[in-house]
Structure formats: C-alpha cells, structure tokens
Amino acid sequence: MAGPSLRPHVHWAQRHRELYLRVELSDVQNPDVAITDNVLHFRAQGHGAKGDNIYEFQIEFLEPVEPKPVCRVTQRQLNITVQKKESNWWERLTKQEKRPLFLAPDFDRWLDESDAEMELKEKEEEKINKMKIESRVPKDPFRHLKKGYLIMYNLVQFLGFSWIFVNMTVRLFILGKSFYDTFHTIGDMMYFCQTLALMEIMNSLIGLVRAPLIPAVVQVFGRNFVLFVVLGSLEEMQSKPVVFFIFYFWSIIELFRYPYYMLSCIGIEWKPLTWLRYTAWIPLYPLGGLAEAVCIVQSIPIFSETGKFSLGLPNPLNVTIQFSFLLQIYLIALFLGSFVNFRHLYKQRKQHLGPKKRKMK
C-alpha cells in the first residue's frame, strides 16, 4: 500500500498580472507541471525536506488563470510563473480560505497591493518615457540606403579577400607553385581590395560607422604604403617570398572581419564569428606586421642603390634626402602604429568577449 505523498515547501508572491511560485526542491528531475480546470498539478523527483523522493502537490487558484505555466529549473529550486486571466489583486492564492501548510509567502518577492501598483506605474511611465525619447529622435531617411551600402561594401571586400586566400592556398598547397610569383598572380586583386579599403576611412570620417578614425587610417595607409610604394614601385621586391606572407596574413584577417561587419549591419551576431573576429588578430596582426617590416628592410638597400624617390634639395644646401632613410623612420612608425592598433583591438575584445557584469536587483 502506497504511503502518503510528500509535499515540498512552496513560496508564493503575486503581481497584478502574474503569480510566482518557488518550489524548494534541488536537483529536480522529470518535473510534471500542468494546469487543468484552474488547478495546478505538480509532480517531480527531487531533493527536499524528506530527502531524495517524489514530491507532489495541487493548488486550486482563487480566480481563473491561463492554462500554460512557465517553469524554470535551477540547481536549488524550481520556479513557476502563472499568468492571471484578468489583471487584478488577489486577497489570497487558493480558493480554500485556510492556507495549506506547505504554502508560505515568498518575502524575497513579496509586495502589498499599493507597492505593486507603484511598481506597475513606474514600468508604465518608463515605457511612455522611452516612447517619447524615441519619437524625439529624428529618423534618418537614408538609413536603408546607408545600410545597403555597408552590406555591399563588406560583401565585396569579403569576396575579394576570399578569392585571394583561396587562390594562394590552392596554388601553393595543391598545385605546388612557388612563393615567387605571388605578386604577379594576386597583385591586381590586392590593388583593388586595398584601394577600396580607403572607403573605411571615409565611412569613419563622415560618421557612417562608429569605428574610431585613427586605427582605420593607420591600417589602411600602412598597408597601402607597403603595397603601392614599396612593392608596386620595385620589381626586385615583387618576386620575393615575403610578398606571399604579407598577402596571406592580410587575407586571413579579413575573412573574419568583413563577414562580422556585414552581419552586424542586419543585427545578426554569430558567436563563433564574433570570437574569431576579436581573437584571430592576436597571432595574425603581429605576424603581418613582422612580414611588412621584413619587406621594408629588404627594400632599403634597393632604394639606396637606385636612388628612387630620393629628394634633392636645391643649392646652396645641395643635400639629398634618401628615401631609404625615410624607410628607416617608417619602420619606427610601423611599430608605433601596430601598438595603436593592438591597443584598440584589445579594448574591443574586452568589450565584446569580456565577462558581463551582472545587473543588481
């Protein structure tokens, strides 16, 4: 013969529209919670006052409620939220006047009727104020056009750098081509992508995106200086293996950056992509900067020998400023610029991937 059923301790509180039940059971398994004919039926396996057992109870509510309760199980308890059919204040929870022994007020969430009305009023005022603020903000008639432009820009850049990455990977690792012809096969597409990247400075300058201007200027002008001035003007540099590493690191970085921005334009966040966007730069940016520095160092003797881009000052000074000397100064600027970018990216990583602060109740 089965013994009497065990009842857990249940605490309750209410608002005008909702009822809150907190069932004191830990390690709850297979909870069965349903509302039939305005009666809540509960049955679950868990650890309560009588140890690890099956606990159950029934509550017939004072007034009609919605038949679909919402349950949330935690390690220490089970929370049930029930919607009232009409928004009003109940004098008690159950239809029977005498309160069941297992039921008690939840003083952590308890409010009397006047406090609940004040809370409801505050929420309504907050909602009204938010609507007023939103109505005061002028709507941008060109926002859809701007969003469409940003989506297309990021899509084109993503496709361009994807073509570069796939082409270089296939040529080297599948077809067995050498490092030495990278510039002649990839250079035109890299010219296109890096020229188009000048729009990132313009986008930041006119406020189309919220990205800070300085990091964008440092990255775009730094890359374009290496691409157009150093590699583009010296045929001797175009056949060096370092070109492969520069182009490869640049393209891998953009495979994560541009899709992330493109999805952000339409309000989509894919967590793996977000993690890659704010983590992949940690190895790739230093490696890319090192490859650029090697390229500059290798070009200095060539510029010194050819005298290309050297500036001769008129008499009586009769002094020639060697472009190779300016490249040595640029090397210092390269490391300083890298520091600016690393600092900016580290702040962004903390903002997007750092621990979230819990809101205090």
Foldseek 3Di string as FASTA:
>chain_A
DDDDAAAFAWAWADAQWKIKIKTFFAPWDDWDWWADPQKIWTWIFGQGPVGTDIHIDMARFQAAWDTDWDWDHDRGIIMIMTTRPGRDDDPDGGNDPDDDPSYYHDVVPYDDHVVSVVVVVVVVVVVVVVVVVVVPDDDDPCLVVLLVVLLVLLVVLLVLLVCLQVVLCCVCVPVNHDLQCSCVVNVVSVVVNLVSLVVVLVCCVVVSDVDHNLLSCLVSVLVCCLNCVQCVPDVVLNRDSLVSQLSNLVSVLSNLVSVQSSCVSVPDDDPVSVCCNLPVCVPSVVSNLVSSLVSLVVRLVVQVVVVPPWDADDPPVRDIRGVSVVSVVVNVVSVVSSVVNVVVSVVVCCVPPNDDDDDDD
